[in-house]
């Protein structure tokens, strides 16, 4: 019985590990192209407790070797913030360029038709050393992007600086 359990557990472990290592395909990248709408919840820099909810519009354009994310965020007072970012996963699948920075891809997860990319990098924010984490989750018609920050002198947990939730419009 122990041998059978060991074989089943080992084969399950291998299957799970094999799914996590699968990189992003070109077709999945191309499926992101189009227009998206939704919201962004932003946590302020000054006290890291105040939050503002923006309406968000996104146009993703295919540039052949990368995608360009053209964001327009509108705050509750009607003021607009325009943001343009390139999104590129390098050929080896271990690095990601997004939000004007280079990240190491630490995990790619697949759950059915949804893909989650977790990428991290070291940096500085508010004159403090920090780890930055980008989590991009998408599937047919849905795109979620979360930017987390962990200060080296504080805790082991990331707090969420920005969370964007979008649905595809066309």
Protein backbone atom coordinates (compact mmCIF):
# COMPACT_ATOMS: atom_id res chain seq x y z
CA UNK A 1 0.00 0.00 0.00
CA UNK A 2 2.85 2.39 0.83
CA UNK A 3 4.45 1.72 -2.54
CA UNK A 4 1.22 2.47 -4.39
CA UNK A 5 0.71 5.67 -2.38
CA UNK A 6 4.33 6.72 -3.05
CA UNK A 7 3.96 6.15 -6.79
CA UNK A 8 0.70 8.12 -6.93
CA UNK A 9 2.12 10.97 -4.84
CA UNK A 10 5.30 11.12 -6.96
CA UNK A 11 3.37 11.16 -10.25
CA UNK A 12 1.03 13.88 -8.92
CA UNK A 13 4.04 15.96 -7.84
CA UNK A 14 5.65 15.61 -11.26
CA UNK A 15 2.41 16.66 -13.00
CA UNK A 16 2.04 19.74 -10.78
CA UNK A 17 5.66 20.77 -11.31
CA UNK A 18 5.36 20.27 -15.08
CA UNK A 19 2.34 22.59 -15.22
CA UNK A 20 4.09 25.35 -13.28
CA UNK A 21 7.04 25.44 -15.63
CA UNK A 22 5.01 26.07 -18.79
CA UNK A 23 5.78 29.53 -20.14
CA UNK A 24 3.49 31.98 -21.81
CA UNK A 25 2.66 31.14 -25.43
CA UNK A 26 2.61 33.66 -28.27
CA UNK A 27 -1.10 32.98 -28.83
CA UNK A 28 -1.86 33.84 -25.20
CA UNK A 29 0.09 37.08 -25.60
CA UNK A 30 -1.84 37.96 -28.77
CA UNK A 31 -5.17 37.26 -27.01
CA UNK A 32 -4.46 40.25 -24.75
CA UNK A 33 -4.53 42.69 -27.68
CA UNK A 34 -7.63 44.89 -27.65
CA UNK A 35 -9.54 47.26 -25.39
CA UNK A 36 -10.22 46.72 -21.69
CA UNK A 37 -12.16 48.58 -18.98
CA UNK A 38 -12.33 48.28 -15.23
CA UNK A 39 -10.92 49.80 -12.05
CA UNK A 40 -7.64 50.48 -10.31
CA UNK A 41 -7.31 50.70 -6.54
CA UNK A 42 -4.19 52.67 -5.62
CA UNK A 43 -2.61 52.85 -2.15
CA UNK A 44 -0.91 56.21 -1.53
CA UNK A 45 2.82 56.69 -0.95
CA UNK A 46 2.58 59.06 2.02
CA UNK A 47 0.94 56.88 4.66
CA UNK A 48 0.38 53.63 2.74
CA UNK A 49 -3.16 53.45 4.12
CA UNK A 50 -5.17 55.87 2.00
CA UNK A 51 -6.71 54.28 -1.08
CA UNK A 52 -8.23 55.82 -4.18
CA UNK A 53 -10.32 53.95 -6.76
CA UNK A 54 -9.83 55.05 -10.37
CA UNK A 55 -11.79 53.99 -13.44
CA UNK A 56 -9.41 52.37 -15.91
CA UNK A 57 -9.29 52.04 -19.66
CA UNK A 58 -6.59 50.05 -21.38
CA UNK A 59 -5.65 49.57 -25.00
CA UNK A 60 -3.14 46.78 -25.65
CA UNK A 61 -1.29 47.08 -28.96
CA UNK A 62 0.76 44.31 -30.62
CA UNK A 63 4.27 45.53 -31.51
CA UNK A 64 5.38 42.09 -32.84
CA UNK A 65 8.13 41.46 -30.24
CA UNK A 66 6.22 43.03 -27.33
CA UNK A 67 2.88 44.48 -26.30
CA UNK A 68 2.25 48.12 -25.41
CA UNK A 69 -0.19 48.84 -22.58
CA UNK A 70 -1.81 52.28 -22.96
CA UNK A 71 -3.62 53.01 -19.69
CA UNK A 72 -5.95 55.93 -18.95
CA UNK A 73 -6.89 56.18 -15.27
CA UNK A 74 -9.57 58.65 -14.16
CA UNK A 75 -9.74 59.65 -10.48
CA UNK A 76 -13.04 60.40 -8.68
CA UNK A 77 -12.57 64.13 -9.44
CA UNK A 78 -12.29 63.52 -13.20
CA UNK A 79 -8.52 64.08 -13.49
CA UNK A 80 -6.87 61.68 -15.93
CA UNK A 81 -3.53 59.94 -15.61
CA UNK A 82 -2.03 58.44 -18.77
CA UNK A 83 0.45 55.59 -18.44
CA UNK A 84 2.24 53.71 -21.22
CA UNK A 85 4.15 50.48 -20.54
CA UNK A 86 5.79 47.87 -22.72
CA UNK A 87 5.24 44.22 -21.81
CA UNK A 88 7.76 41.68 -23.01
CA UNK A 89 8.75 38.21 -21.90
CA UNK A 90 12.25 37.34 -23.02
CA UNK A 91 12.88 34.25 -25.14
CA UNK A 92 14.26 32.15 -22.30
CA UNK A 93 11.05 32.78 -20.34
CA UNK A 94 12.87 33.76 -17.14
CA UNK A 95 12.65 37.57 -17.40
CA UNK A 96 9.88 40.04 -17.95
CA UNK A 97 9.98 43.71 -18.88
CA UNK A 98 6.93 45.58 -17.59
CA UNK A 99 6.10 48.85 -15.86
CA UNK A 100 9.45 50.32 -16.99
CA UNK A 101 11.49 47.70 -15.12
CA UNK A 102 13.09 44.28 -15.54
CA UNK A 103 11.71 41.44 -13.40
CA UNK A 104 12.70 37.84 -12.77
CA UNK A 105 9.78 35.50 -13.42
CA UNK A 106 9.61 33.40 -10.26
CA UNK A 107 6.53 31.38 -11.18
CA UNK A 108 4.07 30.76 -13.99
CA UNK A 109 0.86 29.05 -12.92
CA UNK A 110 -1.94 27.64 -15.00
CA UNK A 111 -5.43 26.94 -13.74
CA UNK A 112 -7.54 25.76 -16.61
CA UNK A 113 -7.61 28.57 -19.17
CA UNK A 114 -6.18 31.17 -16.76
CA UNK A 115 -2.49 32.04 -16.53
CA UNK A 116 -0.75 33.74 -13.59
CA UNK A 117 2.74 35.21 -13.88
CA UNK A 118 4.57 36.18 -10.69
CA UNK A 119 7.63 38.37 -11.24
CA UNK A 120 9.94 40.07 -8.73
CA UNK A 121 12.81 42.55 -8.62
CA UNK A 122 14.85 44.53 -6.11
CA UNK A 123 14.66 48.32 -6.03
CA UNK A 124 14.21 51.47 -3.97
CA UNK A 125 11.03 53.35 -3.07
CA UNK A 126 10.70 56.31 -0.70
CA UNK A 127 14.48 56.14 -0.12
CA UNK A 128 14.12 52.58 1.25
CA UNK A 129 15.28 49.25 -0.17
CA UNK A 130 12.34 47.21 -1.35
CA UNK A 131 11.27 44.06 -3.18
CA UNK A 132 8.72 44.67 -5.93
CA UNK A 133 6.32 41.96 -7.03
CA UNK A 134 4.11 42.04 -10.12
CA UNK A 135 1.32 39.48 -10.41
CA UNK A 136 -0.41 39.33 -13.78
CA UNK A 137 -3.41 37.03 -14.05
CA UNK A 138 -5.40 36.67 -17.26
CA UNK A 139 -7.74 34.47 -19.20
CA UNK A 140 -10.42 34.95 -21.83
CA UNK A 141 -11.94 38.36 -21.22
CA UNK A 142 -10.26 39.08 -17.86
CA UNK A 143 -6.97 40.74 -16.88
CA UNK A 144 -5.82 41.41 -13.32
CA UNK A 145 -2.58 43.15 -12.43
CA UNK A 146 -1.28 43.59 -8.88
CA UNK A 147 1.83 45.52 -7.83
CA UNK A 148 3.12 44.58 -4.39
CA UNK A 149 5.97 46.07 -2.36
CA UNK A 150 7.89 44.71 0.60
CA UNK A 151 10.29 47.03 2.42
CA UNK A 152 13.46 45.31 3.62
CA UNK A 153 13.32 47.01 7.02
CA UNK A 154 9.69 46.12 7.78
CA UNK A 155 8.08 42.75 7.26
CA UNK A 156 8.07 39.58 5.24
CA UNK A 157 4.70 40.37 3.66
CA UNK A 158 4.02 42.35 0.48
CA UNK A 159 1.48 45.14 0.67
CA UNK A 160 -0.49 46.04 -2.43
CA UNK A 161 0.40 49.39 -3.98
CA UNK A 162 -1.81 49.03 -7.06
CA UNK A 163 -4.51 46.54 -8.11
CA UNK A 164 -6.03 46.75 -11.59
CA UNK A 165 -9.05 44.60 -12.56
CA UNK A 166 -10.15 44.72 -16.20
CA UNK A 167 -12.57 43.00 -18.57
CA UNK A 168 -12.19 42.94 -22.34
CA UNK A 169 -14.57 45.13 -24.32
CA UNK A 170 -13.52 44.18 -27.88
